[in-house]
Amino acid sequence: MKKNILFQYINIDYLSATPKYMQLANSVINAINEEKIGKDDLLPSINELSFEFEISRDTAEKGYKYLKQIGILGSVPGKGYFVKSTEVNQPLKVFLLFNKLSIHKKIMYDAFVKTLGDLASIDFYIYNNDYTLFKRLIQNNKNEFTHYVIVPHFLDGGEDAHEIINQLPTDKLLVMDKLIPGINGNYAAVYEDFEKDIYDALDQLREQLSKYHTIKMIFPGYTYHPKEIIKGFKRFCHQYAFTSKIVNDIANEPIKDGEAYINLMEDDMLTLLEKIKATKLKVGKDVGIISYNETPWKQFILDGITTISTDFEKMGTMTAEMILNNQRSHLAVPFKVTLRKSL
């Protein structure tokens, strides 16, 4: 039996975080845009797609159902699915590359997708702070998209990331969250100013911090967090005569009266709270806590944990708006302080 012509144009990337049904739908849309298939052409059956690409029948059916909803496919009982219309109104095709999944990244993603709405198709990838995977994903996709949105954070080996990013067309590039040196041309960026943000945030909290003699930042030795955070922290402590310390392992750090702690990682927060609980020290009076990055549950712990945080929803919205407005500016994202009883 002769295979349907569409098979050769369907691409399912099993490493992609984009749902497989959307990859299927995008493949059909691309084939129509490239005039590989046309109006009234018959498409493979649900069973054929499931067998050929090792996806579930539900996934295949969901992809076709989406295409029916936007008016591209029709169906006839007993015959199957066919191309109903070649009028595809999805001019934007976005390659979205995140370093990891987290609560904050989900907020960014949701705001980004909501703002773009139906005006774009999005292929979403995650490289887990792995430079090798980051490099491969960009090199394998550098000629297929109208826009490339990239969050560049690495645990190791990211020194040459700019060389990989420079392989992308400048007019299609938008760097998100973190600026890195060496990227050429007039590209767009929505970023955190890590050194300035933490300095300004601690300056806003200077009155509350004045009851502590020492400020300790819990900064894991093996992390993707930018070193600019340490620079801003040390600059603040030096200017206002606070004793400061960078703690790489909170599990082995003694907790003492008169100290305030800044934690970056959620796991470190749990360890810190357990260690404080084992003492007789009172949070907000004897020991202070500032947590990096706001999450909903921090308002409830110990009657509220003070946070310093980028506006992640704003970051996602600003990034999408730059794409929609064809901007190539460099815009810093707002950074805010939420004072609660832990300080």
C-alpha atoms as a PDB file:
ATOM      1  CA  MET A   1       0.000   0.000   0.000  1.00  0.00           C
ATOM      2  CA  LYS A   2       1.405   3.400  -1.056  1.00  0.00           C
ATOM      3  CA  LYS A   3       2.136   5.776   1.810  1.00  0.00           C
ATOM      4  CA  ASN A   4       0.363   9.114   1.955  1.00  0.00           C
ATOM      5  CA  ILE A   5       2.582  11.942   0.662  1.00  0.00           C
ATOM      6  CA  LEU A   6       2.177  13.856   3.940  1.00  0.00           C
ATOM      7  CA  PHE A   7       4.280  11.296   5.835  1.00  0.00           C
ATOM      8  CA  GLN A   8       7.501  12.739   4.457  1.00  0.00           C
ATOM      9  CA  TYR A   9       6.628  16.209   5.737  1.00  0.00           C
ATOM     10  CA  ILE A  10       5.597  15.279   9.281  1.00  0.00           C
ATOM     11  CA  ASN A  11       8.299  15.845  11.872  1.00  0.00           C
ATOM     12  CA  ILE A  12       7.841  14.664  15.468  1.00  0.00           C
ATOM     13  CA  ASP A  13      10.740  15.699  17.712  1.00  0.00           C
ATOM     14  CA  TYR A  14      10.613  13.513  20.822  1.00  0.00           C
ATOM     15  CA  LEU A  15      13.040  15.859  22.665  1.00  0.00           C
ATOM     16  CA  SER A  16      10.776  18.868  22.208  1.00  0.00           C
ATOM     17  CA  ALA A  17       8.602  20.126  25.050  1.00  0.00           C
ATOM     18  CA  THR A  18       6.017  21.168  22.440  1.00  0.00           C
ATOM     19  CA  PRO A  19       3.082  18.730  22.693  1.00  0.00           C
ATOM     20  CA  LYS A  20       3.218  16.095  19.958  1.00  0.00           C
ATOM     21  CA  TYR A  21      -0.288  16.928  18.737  1.00  0.00           C
ATOM     22  CA  MET A  22       0.894  20.515  18.082  1.00  0.00           C
ATOM     23  CA  GLN A  23       3.990  19.242  16.285  1.00  0.00           C
ATOM     24  CA  LEU A  24       1.686  17.192  14.078  1.00  0.00           C
ATOM     25  CA  ALA A  25      -0.580  20.189  13.434  1.00  0.00           C
ATOM     26  CA  ASN A  26       2.396  22.457  12.689  1.00  0.00           C
ATOM     27  CA  SER A  27       3.778  19.890  10.234  1.00  0.00           C
ATOM     28  CA  VAL A  28       0.510  19.912   8.291  1.00  0.00           C
ATOM     29  CA  ILE A  29       0.431  23.727   8.316  1.00  0.00           C
ATOM     30  CA  ASN A  30       4.039  23.886   7.054  1.00  0.00           C
ATOM     31  CA  ALA A  31       3.301  21.399   4.280  1.00  0.00           C
ATOM     32  CA  ILE A  32       0.369  23.555   3.155  1.00  0.00           C
ATOM     33  CA  ASN A  33       2.418  26.765   3.311  1.00  0.00           C
ATOM     34  CA  GLU A  34       5.169  25.140   1.244  1.00  0.00           C
ATOM     35  CA  GLU A  35       2.538  23.862  -1.244  1.00  0.00           C
ATOM     36  CA  LYS A  36       3.550  20.232  -0.659  1.00  0.00           C
ATOM     37  CA  ILE A  37      -0.113  19.381  -0.128  1.00  0.00           C
ATOM     38  CA  GLY A  38      -3.155  21.268  -1.378  1.00  0.00           C
ATOM     39  CA  LYS A  39      -6.879  21.675  -1.071  1.00  0.00           C
ATOM     40  CA  ASP A  40      -8.919  18.434  -1.038  1.00  0.00           C
ATOM     41  CA  ASP A  41      -5.813  16.251  -0.554  1.00  0.00           C
ATOM     42  CA  LEU A  42      -6.556  13.234   1.653  1.00  0.00           C
ATOM     43  CA  LEU A  43      -4.525  12.890   4.860  1.00  0.00           C
ATOM     44  CA  PRO A  44      -3.324   9.726   6.627  1.00  0.00           C
ATOM     45  CA  SER A  45      -5.761   8.040   8.983  1.00  0.00           C
ATOM     46  CA  ILE A  46      -5.496   8.247  12.783  1.00  0.00           C
ATOM     47  CA  ASN A  47      -4.295   4.626  12.893  1.00  0.00           C
ATOM     48  CA  GLU A  48      -1.656   5.233  10.207  1.00  0.00           C
ATOM     49  CA  LEU A  49      -0.263   8.243  12.049  1.00  0.00           C
ATOM     50  CA  SER A  50      -0.220   6.367  15.341  1.00  0.00           C
ATOM     51  CA  PHE A  51       1.689   3.436  13.825  1.00  0.00           C
ATOM     52  CA  GLU A  52       4.120   5.414  11.671  1.00  0.00           C
ATOM     53  CA  PHE A  53       5.212   7.934  14.311  1.00  0.00           C
ATOM     54  CA  GLU A  54       4.723   5.873  17.488  1.00  0.00           C
ATOM     55  CA  ILE A  55       2.241   8.299  18.980  1.00  0.00           C
ATOM     56  CA  SER A  56      -1.061   7.481  20.623  1.00  0.00           C
ATOM     57  CA  ARG A  57      -4.327   7.553  18.707  1.00  0.00           C
ATOM     58  CA  ASP A  58      -5.510  10.259  21.105  1.00  0.00           C
ATOM     59  CA  THR A  59      -2.505  12.426  20.186  1.00  0.00           C
ATOM     60  CA  ALA A  60      -3.101  12.016  16.452  1.00  0.00           C
ATOM     61  CA  GLU A  61      -6.806  12.705  16.838  1.00  0.00           C
ATOM     62  CA  LYS A  62      -6.134  15.792  18.975  1.00  0.00           C
ATOM     63  CA  GLY A  63      -3.818  17.190  16.280  1.00  0.00           C
ATOM     64  CA  TYR A  64      -6.443  16.721  13.583  1.00  0.00           C
ATOM     65  CA  LYS A  65      -9.172  18.128  15.841  1.00  0.00           C
ATOM     66  CA  TYR A  66      -7.105  21.290  16.359  1.00  0.00           C
ATOM     67  CA  LEU A  67      -6.693  21.681  12.584  1.00  0.00           C
ATOM     68  CA  LYS A  68     -10.448  21.252  12.134  1.00  0.00           C
ATOM     69  CA  GLN A  69     -11.105  23.917  14.758  1.00  0.00           C
ATOM     70  CA  ILE A  70      -9.011  26.495  12.881  1.00  0.00           C
ATOM     71  CA  GLY A  71     -10.693  25.601   9.595  1.00  0.00           C
ATOM     72  CA  ILE A  72      -7.850  23.844   7.803  1.00  0.00           C
ATOM     73  CA  LEU A  73      -9.165  20.260   7.791  1.00  0.00           C
ATOM     74  CA  GLY A  74     -12.500  18.694   7.046  1.00  0.00           C
ATOM     75  CA  SER A  75     -13.626  15.092   7.466  1.00  0.00           C
ATOM     76  CA  VAL A  76     -16.025  12.689   5.761  1.00  0.00           C
ATOM     77  CA  PRO A  77     -17.267   9.569   7.585  1.00  0.00           C
ATOM     78  CA  GLY A  78     -15.811   6.491   5.927  1.00  0.00           C
ATOM     79  CA  LYS A  79     -13.204   8.465   3.969  1.00  0.00           C
ATOM     80  CA  GLY A  80     -11.237  10.329   6.640  1.00  0.00           C
ATOM     81  CA  TYR A  81      -9.605  13.734   6.864  1.00  0.00           C
ATOM     82  CA  PHE A  82      -8.812  16.086   3.972  1.00  0.00           C
ATOM     83  CA  VAL A  83      -7.458  19.609   3.426  1.00  0.00           C
ATOM     84  CA  LYS A  84     -10.499  21.870   3.543  1.00  0.00           C
ATOM     85  CA  SER A  85      -8.681  25.197   3.219  1.00  0.00           C
ATOM     86  CA  THR A  86      -5.162  26.347   2.419  1.00  0.00           C
ATOM     87  CA  GLU A  87      -5.778  29.779   3.965  1.00  0.00           C
ATOM     88  CA  VAL A  88      -3.390  29.446   6.884  1.00  0.00           C
ATOM     89  CA  ASN A  89      -3.188  32.547   9.021  1.00  0.00           C
ATOM     90  CA  GLN A  90      -0.190  31.740  11.247  1.00  0.00           C
ATOM     91  CA  PRO A  91       2.586  34.035   9.994  1.00  0.00           C
ATOM     92  CA  LEU A  92       4.714  33.709  13.154  1.00  0.00           C
ATOM     93  CA  LYS A  93       6.591  30.535  13.973  1.00  0.00           C
ATOM     94  CA  VAL A  94       8.555  30.792  17.225  1.00  0.00           C
ATOM     95  CA  PHE A  95      11.426  28.653  18.479  1.00  0.00           C
ATOM     96  CA  LEU A  96      11.280  28.981  22.292  1.00  0.00           C
ATOM     97  CA  LEU A  97      14.273  27.601  24.210  1.00  0.00           C
ATOM     98  CA  PHE A  98      14.258  27.525  28.035  1.00  0.00           C
ATOM     99  CA  ASN A  99      17.088  26.340  30.253  1.00  0.00           C
ATOM    100  CA  LYS A 100      14.782  24.500  32.691  1.00  0.00           C
ATOM    101  CA  LEU A 101      11.260  24.022  33.961  1.00  0.00           C
ATOM    102  CA  SER A 102      10.307  25.780  37.194  1.00  0.00           C
ATOM    103  CA  ILE A 103       7.415  27.703  38.717  1.00  0.00           C
ATOM    104  CA  HIS A 104       8.917  30.948  37.445  1.00  0.00           C
ATOM    105  CA  LYS A 105       9.551  29.637  33.951  1.00  0.00           C
ATOM    106  CA  LYS A 106       5.956  28.433  33.761  1.00  0.00           C
ATOM    107  CA  ILE A 107       4.754  31.931  34.635  1.00  0.00           C
ATOM    108  CA  MET A 108       6.967  33.334  31.853  1.00  0.00           C
ATOM    109  CA  TYR A 109       5.779  30.707  29.385  1.00  0.00           C
ATOM    110  CA  ASP A 110       2.084  31.170  30.157  1.00  0.00           C
ATOM    111  CA  ALA A 111       2.295  34.964  29.786  1.00  0.00           C
ATOM    112  CA  PHE A 112       4.267  34.633  26.543  1.00  0.00           C
ATOM    113  CA  VAL A 113       1.791  32.173  24.994  1.00  0.00           C
ATOM    114  CA  LYS A 114      -1.252  34.133  26.176  1.00  0.00           C
ATOM    115  CA  THR A 115       0.043  37.383  24.671  1.00  0.00           C
ATOM    116  CA  LEU A 116       0.844  35.823  21.292  1.00  0.00           C
ATOM    117  CA  GLY A 117      -2.492  33.991  21.266  1.00  0.00           C
ATOM    118  CA  ASP A 118      -3.412  32.526  17.886  1.00  0.00           C
ATOM    119  CA  LEU A 119      -0.970  34.779  16.026  1.00  0.00           C
ATOM    120  CA  ALA A 120       1.907  32.311  16.314  1.00  0.00           C
ATOM    121  CA  SER A 121       2.793  28.663  16.501  1.00  0.00           C
ATOM    122  CA  ILE A 122       5.396  27.890  19.165  1.00  0.00           C
ATOM    123  CA  ASP A 123       7.881  25.023  19.287  1.00  0.00           C
ATOM    124  CA  PHE A 124       9.036  24.769  22.906  1.00  0.00           C
ATOM    125  CA  TYR A 125      12.346  23.131  23.903  1.00  0.00           C
ATOM    126  CA  ILE A 126      14.176  22.684  27.217  1.00  0.00           C
ATOM    127  CA  TYR A 127      17.921  21.987  27.423  1.00  0.00           C
ATOM    128  CA  ASN A 128      18.258  21.524  31.215  1.00  0.00           C
ATOM    129  CA  ASN A 129      21.225  23.939  31.506  1.00  0.00           C
ATOM    130  CA  ASP A 130      23.187  21.507  29.273  1.00  0.00           C
ATOM    131  CA  TYR A 131      25.362  23.432  26.791  1.00  0.00           C
ATOM    132  CA  THR A 132      25.783  20.455  24.456  1.00  0.00           C
ATOM    133  CA  LEU A 133      22.031  19.997  24.110  1.00  0.00           C
ATOM    134  CA  PHE A 134      21.589  23.772  23.756  1.00  0.00           C
ATOM    135  CA  LYS A 135      24.063  23.801  20.877  1.00  0.00           C
ATOM    136  CA  ARG A 136      22.445  20.835  19.123  1.00  0.00           C
ATOM    137  CA  LEU A 137      18.922  22.222  19.367  1.00  0.00           C
ATOM    138  CA  ILE A 138      19.919  25.569  17.854  1.00  0.00           C
ATOM    139  CA  GLN A 139      22.006  24.043  15.069  1.00  0.00           C
ATOM    140  CA  ASN A 140      19.205  21.634  14.146  1.00  0.00           C
ATOM    141  CA  ASN A 141      16.588  24.385  13.956  1.00  0.00           C
ATOM    142  CA  LYS A 142      18.383  27.521  12.761  1.00  0.00           C
ATOM    143  CA  ASN A 143      16.612  27.895   9.418  1.00  0.00           C
ATOM    144  CA  GLU A 144      13.022  26.970  10.240  1.00  0.00           C
ATOM    145  CA  PHE A 145      11.511  29.786  12.325  1.00  0.00           C
ATOM    146  CA  THR A 146      10.489  33.427  12.073  1.00  0.00           C
ATOM    147  CA  HIS A 147      11.691  34.123  15.638  1.00  0.00           C
ATOM    148  CA  TYR A 148      14.154  32.556  18.080  1.00  0.00           C
ATOM    149  CA  VAL A 149      13.564  33.263  21.788  1.00  0.00           C
ATOM    150  CA  ILE A 150      16.437  31.959  23.919  1.00  0.00           C
ATOM    151  CA  VAL A 151      17.093  31.841  27.691  1.00  0.00           C
ATOM    152  CA  PRO A 152      20.893  31.301  28.047  1.00  0.00           C
ATOM    153  CA  HIS A 153      21.786  29.772  31.453  1.00  0.00           C
ATOM    154  CA  PHE A 154      24.373  26.967  31.770  1.00  0.00           C
ATOM    155  CA  LEU A 155      25.949  24.864  34.487  1.00  0.00           C
ATOM    156  CA  ASP A 156      29.118  24.218  32.465  1.00  0.00           C
ATOM    157  CA  GLY A 157      30.567  25.027  29.066  1.00  0.00           C
ATOM    158  CA  GLY A 158      28.579  28.121  28.183  1.00  0.00           C
ATOM    159  CA  GLU A 159      31.612  30.319  27.463  1.00  0.00           C
ATOM    160  CA  ASP A 160      31.115  29.947  23.709  1.00  0.00           C
ATOM    161  CA  ALA A 161      27.315  30.210  23.714  1.00  0.00           C
ATOM    162  CA  HIS A 162      27.484  33.526  21.864  1.00  0.00           C
ATOM    163  CA  GLU A 163      29.172  31.780  18.917  1.00  0.00           C
ATOM    164  CA  ILE A 164      26.245  29.390  18.593  1.00  0.00           C
ATOM    165  CA  ILE A 165      23.682  32.172  19.000  1.00  0.00           C
ATOM    166  CA  ASN A 166      25.484  34.245  16.358  1.00  0.00           C
ATOM    167  CA  GLN A 167      24.587  31.554  13.814  1.00  0.00           C
ATOM    168  CA  LEU A 168      20.971  32.758  14.031  1.00  0.00           C
ATOM    169  CA  PRO A 169      19.697  35.716  11.981  1.00  0.00           C
ATOM    170  CA  THR A 170      19.954  38.839  14.135  1.00  0.00           C
ATOM    171  CA  ASP A 171      16.581  40.148  13.026  1.00  0.00           C
ATOM    172  CA  LYS A 172      14.932  36.937  14.279  1.00  0.00           C
ATOM    173  CA  LEU A 173      16.717  36.742  17.645  1.00  0.00           C
ATOM    174  CA  LEU A 174      15.320  37.689  21.058  1.00  0.00           C
ATOM    175  CA  VAL A 175      17.414  36.930  24.156  1.00  0.00           C
ATOM    176  CA  MET A 176      15.311  36.448  27.258  1.00  0.00           C
ATOM    177  CA  ASP A 177      16.205  36.717  30.966  1.00  0.00           C
ATOM    178  CA  LYS A 178      19.995  37.049  30.716  1.00  0.00           C
ATOM    179  CA  LEU A 179      22.308  39.077  28.491  1.00  0.00           C
ATOM    180  CA  ILE A 180      25.578  37.433  27.517  1.00  0.00           C
ATOM    181  CA  PRO A 181      28.548  39.184  25.906  1.00  0.00           C
ATOM    182  CA  GLY A 182      29.655  38.527  22.347  1.00  0.00           C
ATOM    183  CA  ILE A 183      26.283  38.434  20.556  1.00  0.00           C
ATOM    184  CA  ASN A 184      26.567  40.478  17.368  1.00  0.00           C
ATOM    185  CA  GLY A 185      24.152  42.802  15.661  1.00  0.00           C
ATOM    186  CA  ASN A 186      20.964  44.645  16.502  1.00  0.00           C
ATOM    187  CA  TYR A 187      19.036  41.908  18.297  1.00  0.00           C
ATOM    188  CA  ALA A 188      16.147  42.168  20.758  1.00  0.00           C
ATOM    189  CA  ALA A 189      16.407  41.391  24.482  1.00  0.00           C
ATOM    190  CA  VAL A 190      14.193  41.330  27.577  1.00  0.00           C
ATOM    191  CA  TYR A 191      16.503  40.787  30.524  1.00  0.00           C
ATOM    192  CA  GLU A 192      17.245  40.927  34.232  1.00  0.00           C
ATOM    193  CA  ASP A 193      19.974  43.331  35.365  1.00  0.00           C
ATOM    194  CA  PHE A 194      21.164  40.943  38.065  1.00  0.00           C
ATOM    195  CA  GLU A 195      23.800  43.109  39.785  1.00  0.00           C
ATOM    196  CA  LYS A 196      21.716  46.284  39.838  1.00  0.00           C
ATOM    197  CA  ASP A 197      18.499  44.472  40.772  1.00  0.00           C
ATOM    198  CA  ILE A 198      19.807  42.863  43.954  1.00  0.00           C
ATOM    199  CA  TYR A 199      21.706  45.991  45.010  1.00  0.00           C
ATOM    200  CA  ASP A 200      18.593  48.167  44.617  1.00  0.00           C
ATOM    201  CA  ALA A 201      16.386  45.595  46.364  1.00  0.00           C
ATOM    202  CA  LEU A 202      18.677  45.354  49.400  1.00  0.00           C
ATOM    203  CA  ASP A 203      18.901  49.139  49.488  1.00  0.00           C
ATOM    204  CA  GLN A 204      15.099  49.259  49.778  1.00  0.00           C
ATOM    205  CA  LEU A 205      15.343  46.817  52.690  1.00  0.00           C
ATOM    206  CA  ARG A 206      18.211  48.648  54.412  1.00  0.00           C
ATOM    207  CA  GLU A 207      16.114  49.791  57.387  1.00  0.00           C
ATOM    208  CA  GLN A 208      14.923  46.227  58.109  1.00  0.00           C
ATOM    209  CA  LEU A 209      18.428  44.812  57.586  1.00  0.00           C
ATOM    210  CA  SER A 210      19.961  47.297  60.019  1.00  0.00           C
ATOM    211  CA  LYS A 211      19.019  45.102  63.009  1.00  0.00           C
ATOM    212  CA  TYR A 212      21.332  42.340  61.700  1.00  0.00           C
ATOM    213  CA  HIS A 213      25.135  42.586  61.748  1.00  0.00           C
ATOM    214  CA  THR A 214      25.784  39.921  59.088  1.00  0.00           C
ATOM    215  CA  ILE A 215      24.150  39.092  55.773  1.00  0.00           C
ATOM    216  CA  LYS A 216      24.787  35.666  54.255  1.00  0.00           C
ATOM    217  CA  MET A 217      23.902  34.726  50.702  1.00  0.00           C
ATOM    218  CA  ILE A 218      23.262  31.025  50.069  1.00  0.00           C
ATOM    219  CA  PHE A 219      24.797  30.613  46.617  1.00  0.00           C
ATOM    220  CA  PRO A 220      25.408  26.960  45.635  1.00  0.00           C
ATOM    221  CA  GLY A 221      28.869  26.203  44.338  1.00  0.00           C
ATOM    222  CA  TYR A 222      27.438  24.417  41.294  1.00  0.00           C
ATOM    223  CA  THR A 223      24.685  26.568  39.829  1.00  0.00           C
ATOM    224  CA  TYR A 224      23.506  28.365  36.702  1.00  0.00           C
ATOM    225  CA  HIS A 225      22.812  31.585  38.663  1.00  0.00           C
ATOM    226  CA  PRO A 226      24.818  34.549  37.318  1.00  0.00           C
ATOM    227  CA  LYS A 227      27.815  35.734  39.326  1.00  0.00           C
ATOM    228  CA  GLU A 228      26.515  39.303  38.896  1.00  0.00           C
ATOM    229  CA  ILE A 229      24.148  38.552  41.796  1.00  0.00           C
ATOM    230  CA  ILE A 230      27.167  38.113  44.084  1.00  0.00           C
ATOM    231  CA  LYS A 231      28.703  41.356  42.792  1.00  0.00           C
ATOM    232  CA  GLY A 232      25.599  43.362  43.603  1.00  0.00           C
ATOM    233  CA  PHE A 233      25.297  41.714  47.022  1.00  0.00           C
ATOM    234  CA  LYS A 234      28.925  42.398  47.962  1.00  0.00           C
ATOM    235  CA  ARG A 235      28.743  45.989  46.708  1.00  0.00           C
ATOM    236  CA  PHE A 236      25.750  46.672  48.944  1.00  0.00           C
ATOM    237  CA  CYS A 237      27.328  45.044  52.019  1.00  0.00           C
ATOM    238  CA  HIS A 238      30.605  46.920  51.494  1.00  0.00           C
ATOM    239  CA  GLN A 239      28.903  50.290  51.032  1.00  0.00           C
ATOM    240  CA  TYR A 240      26.769  49.952  54.169  1.00  0.00           C
ATOM    241  CA  ALA A 241      29.326  48.165  56.372  1.00  0.00           C
ATOM    242  CA  PHE A 242      27.537  44.830  56.745  1.00  0.00           C
ATOM    243  CA  THR A 243      29.631  41.745  57.371  1.00  0.00           C
ATOM    244  CA  SER A 244      28.928  39.450  54.419  1.00  0.00           C
ATOM    245  CA  LYS A 245      29.515  35.837  53.503  1.00  0.00           C
ATOM    246  CA  ILE A 246      28.769  33.605  50.506  1.00  0.00           C
ATOM    247  CA  VAL A 247      27.529  30.231  51.749  1.00  0.00           C
ATOM    248  CA  ASN A 248      27.891  27.385  49.250  1.00  0.00           C
ATOM    249  CA  ASP A 249      26.370  24.697  51.466  1.00  0.00           C
ATOM    250  CA  ILE A 250      23.733  25.801  53.968  1.00  0.00           C
ATOM    251  CA  ALA A 251      23.532  22.297  55.453  1.00  0.00           C
ATOM    252  CA  ASN A 252      26.947  22.825  57.071  1.00  0.00           C
ATOM    253  CA  GLU A 253      26.491  26.473  58.053  1.00  0.00           C
ATOM    254  CA  PRO A 254      25.809  27.321  61.742  1.00  0.00           C
ATOM    255  CA  ILE A 255      22.825  29.619  62.366  1.00  0.00           C
ATOM    256  CA  LYS A 256      23.580  32.524  64.702  1.00  0.00           C
ATOM    257  CA  ASP A 257      21.738  35.425  66.271  1.00  0.00           C
ATOM    258  CA  GLY A 258      21.989  38.688  64.303  1.00  0.00           C
ATOM    259  CA  GLU A 259      22.285  37.122  60.853  1.00  0.00           C
ATOM    260  CA  ALA A 260      20.082  37.580  57.782  1.00  0.00           C
ATOM    261  CA  TYR A 261      20.031  34.994  54.993  1.00  0.00           C
ATOM    262  CA  ILE A 262      19.326  35.404  51.289  1.00  0.00           C
ATOM    263  CA  ASN A 263      18.474  32.122  49.568  1.00  0.00           C
ATOM    264  CA  LEU A 264      18.300  31.547  45.812  1.00  0.00           C
ATOM    265  CA  MET A 265      17.175  27.905  45.589  1.00  0.00           C
ATOM    266  CA  GLU A 266      13.943  26.476  46.970  1.00  0.00           C
ATOM    267  CA  ASP A 267      15.703  23.368  48.329  1.00  0.00           C
ATOM    268  CA  ASP A 268      18.064  25.599  50.313  1.00  0.00           C
ATOM    269  CA  MET A 269      15.067  27.419  51.787  1.00  0.00           C
ATOM    270  CA  LEU A 270      13.781  24.145  53.240  1.00  0.00           C
ATOM    271  CA  THR A 271      17.168  23.306  54.742  1.00  0.00           C
ATOM    272  CA  LEU A 272      17.502  26.813  56.198  1.00  0.00           C
ATOM    273  CA  LEU A 273      14.073  26.652  57.843  1.00  0.00           C
ATOM    274  CA  GLU A 274      14.832  23.231  59.328  1.00  0.00           C
ATOM    275  CA  LYS A 275      18.106  24.519  60.826  1.00  0.00           C
ATOM    276  CA  ILE A 276      16.449  27.624  62.281  1.00  0.00           C
ATOM    277  CA  LYS A 277      13.683  25.477  63.760  1.00  0.00           C
ATOM    278  CA  ALA A 278      16.326  23.445  65.590  1.00  0.00           C
ATOM    279  CA  THR A 279      17.467  26.630  67.411  1.00  0.00           C
ATOM    280  CA  LYS A 280      15.546  28.939  69.738  1.00  0.00           C
ATOM    281  CA  LEU A 281      16.019  31.878  67.388  1.00  0.00           C
ATOM    282  CA  LYS A 282      12.974  33.779  66.169  1.00  0.00           C
ATOM    283  CA  VAL A 283      12.633  34.511  62.436  1.00  0.00           C
ATOM    284  CA  GLY A 284      12.167  38.227  61.798  1.00  0.00           C
ATOM    285  CA  LYS A 285      13.734  39.178  65.119  1.00  0.00           C
ATOM    286  CA  ASP A 286      16.907  37.154  65.764  1.00  0.00           C
ATOM    287  CA  VAL A 287      17.373  35.793  62.238  1.00  0.00           C
ATOM    288  CA  GLY A 288      16.205  37.325  58.964  1.00  0.00           C
ATOM    289  CA  ILE A 289      15.223  35.609  55.710  1.00  0.00           C
ATOM    290  CA  ILE A 290      15.024  37.033  52.197  1.00  0.00           C
ATOM    291  CA  SER A 291      14.079  34.667  49.393  1.00  0.00           C
ATOM    292  CA  TYR A 292      15.032  35.237  45.762  1.00  0.00           C
ATOM    293  CA  ASN A 293      12.038  34.953  43.383  1.00  0.00           C
ATOM    294  CA  GLU A 294       8.433  35.248  44.489  1.00  0.00           C
ATOM    295  CA  THR A 295       6.142  32.217  44.569  1.00  0.00           C
ATOM    296  CA  PRO A 296       2.548  32.141  45.922  1.00  0.00           C
ATOM    297  CA  TRP A 297       3.321  29.877  48.890  1.00  0.00           C
ATOM    298  CA  LYS A 298       5.957  32.217  50.375  1.00  0.00           C
ATOM    299  CA  GLN A 299       3.275  34.559  51.690  1.00  0.00           C
ATOM    300  CA  PHE A 300       2.034  31.801  54.020  1.00  0.00           C
ATOM    301  CA  ILE A 301       5.254  30.334  55.475  1.00  0.00           C
ATOM    302  CA  LEU A 302       6.080  31.766  58.929  1.00  0.00           C
ATOM    303  CA  ASP A 303       3.415  34.462  58.387  1.00  0.00           C
ATOM    304  CA  GLY A 304       5.240  35.526  55.229  1.00  0.00           C
ATOM    305  CA  ILE A 305       8.722  35.290  53.678  1.00  0.00           C
ATOM    306  CA  THR A 306      10.217  38.525  52.326  1.00  0.00           C
ATOM    307  CA  THR A 307      11.046  38.168  48.626  1.00  0.00           C
ATOM    308  CA  ILE A 308      13.038  40.036  46.010  1.00  0.00           C
ATOM    309  CA  SER A 309      11.917  39.029  42.563  1.00  0.00           C
ATOM    310  CA  THR A 310      11.793  39.699  38.868  1.00  0.00           C
ATOM    311  CA  ASP A 311       8.291  40.156  37.471  1.00  0.00           C
ATOM    312  CA  PHE A 312       8.244  36.901  35.475  1.00  0.00           C
ATOM    313  CA  GLU A 313       4.767  37.452  34.078  1.00  0.00           C
ATOM    314  CA  LYS A 314       5.886  40.854  32.798  1.00  0.00           C
ATOM    315  CA  MET A 315       8.950  39.260  31.229  1.00  0.00           C
ATOM    316  CA  GLY A 316       6.821  36.835  29.222  1.00  0.00           C
ATOM    317  CA  THR A 317       4.407  39.565  28.160  1.00  0.00           C
ATOM    318  CA  MET A 318       7.174  42.008  27.167  1.00  0.00           C
ATOM    319  CA  THR A 319       8.916  39.337  25.088  1.00  0.00           C
ATOM    320  CA  ALA A 320       5.756  38.481  23.164  1.00  0.00           C
ATOM    321  CA  GLU A 321       4.940  42.165  22.614  1.00  0.00           C
ATOM    322  CA  MET A 322       8.395  42.768  21.151  1.00  0.00           C
ATOM    323  CA  ILE A 323       7.739  39.999  18.627  1.00  0.00           C
ATOM    324  CA  LEU A 324       4.287  41.342  17.751  1.00  0.00           C
ATOM    325  CA  ASN A 325       5.622  44.906  17.373  1.00  0.00           C
ATOM    326  CA  ASN A 326       8.816  43.830  15.568  1.00  0.00           C
ATOM    327  CA  GLN A 327      10.991  45.658  18.137  1.00  0.00           C
ATOM    328  CA  ARG A 328      14.737  45.171  18.626  1.00  0.00           C
ATOM    329  CA  SER A 329      15.218  47.096  21.852  1.00  0.00           C
ATOM    330  CA  HIS A 330      16.980  45.925  25.007  1.00  0.00           C
ATOM    331  CA  LEU A 331      14.486  46.208  27.869  1.00  0.00           C
ATOM    332  CA  ALA A 332      15.159  45.494  31.552  1.00  0.00           C
ATOM    333  CA  VAL A 333      12.363  43.712  33.416  1.00  0.00           C
ATOM    334  CA  PRO A 334      10.983  45.281  36.641  1.00  0.00           C
ATOM    335  CA  PHE A 335      12.381  43.869  39.881  1.00  0.00           C
ATOM    336  CA  LYS A 336      10.302  44.190  43.028  1.00  0.00           C
ATOM    337  CA  VAL A 337      10.559  43.813  46.799  1.00  0.00           C
ATOM    338  CA  THR A 338       7.783  42.217  48.864  1.00  0.00           C
ATOM    339  CA  LEU A 339       8.400  42.892  52.546  1.00  0.00           C
ATOM    340  CA  ARG A 340       6.966  40.341  54.989  1.00  0.00           C
ATOM    341  CA  LYS A 341       7.528  39.298  58.605  1.00  0.00           C
ATOM    342  CA  SER A 342      10.630  37.136  57.965  1.00  0.00           C
ATOM    343  CA  LEU A 343      12.787  40.264  57.991  1.00  0.00           C
END
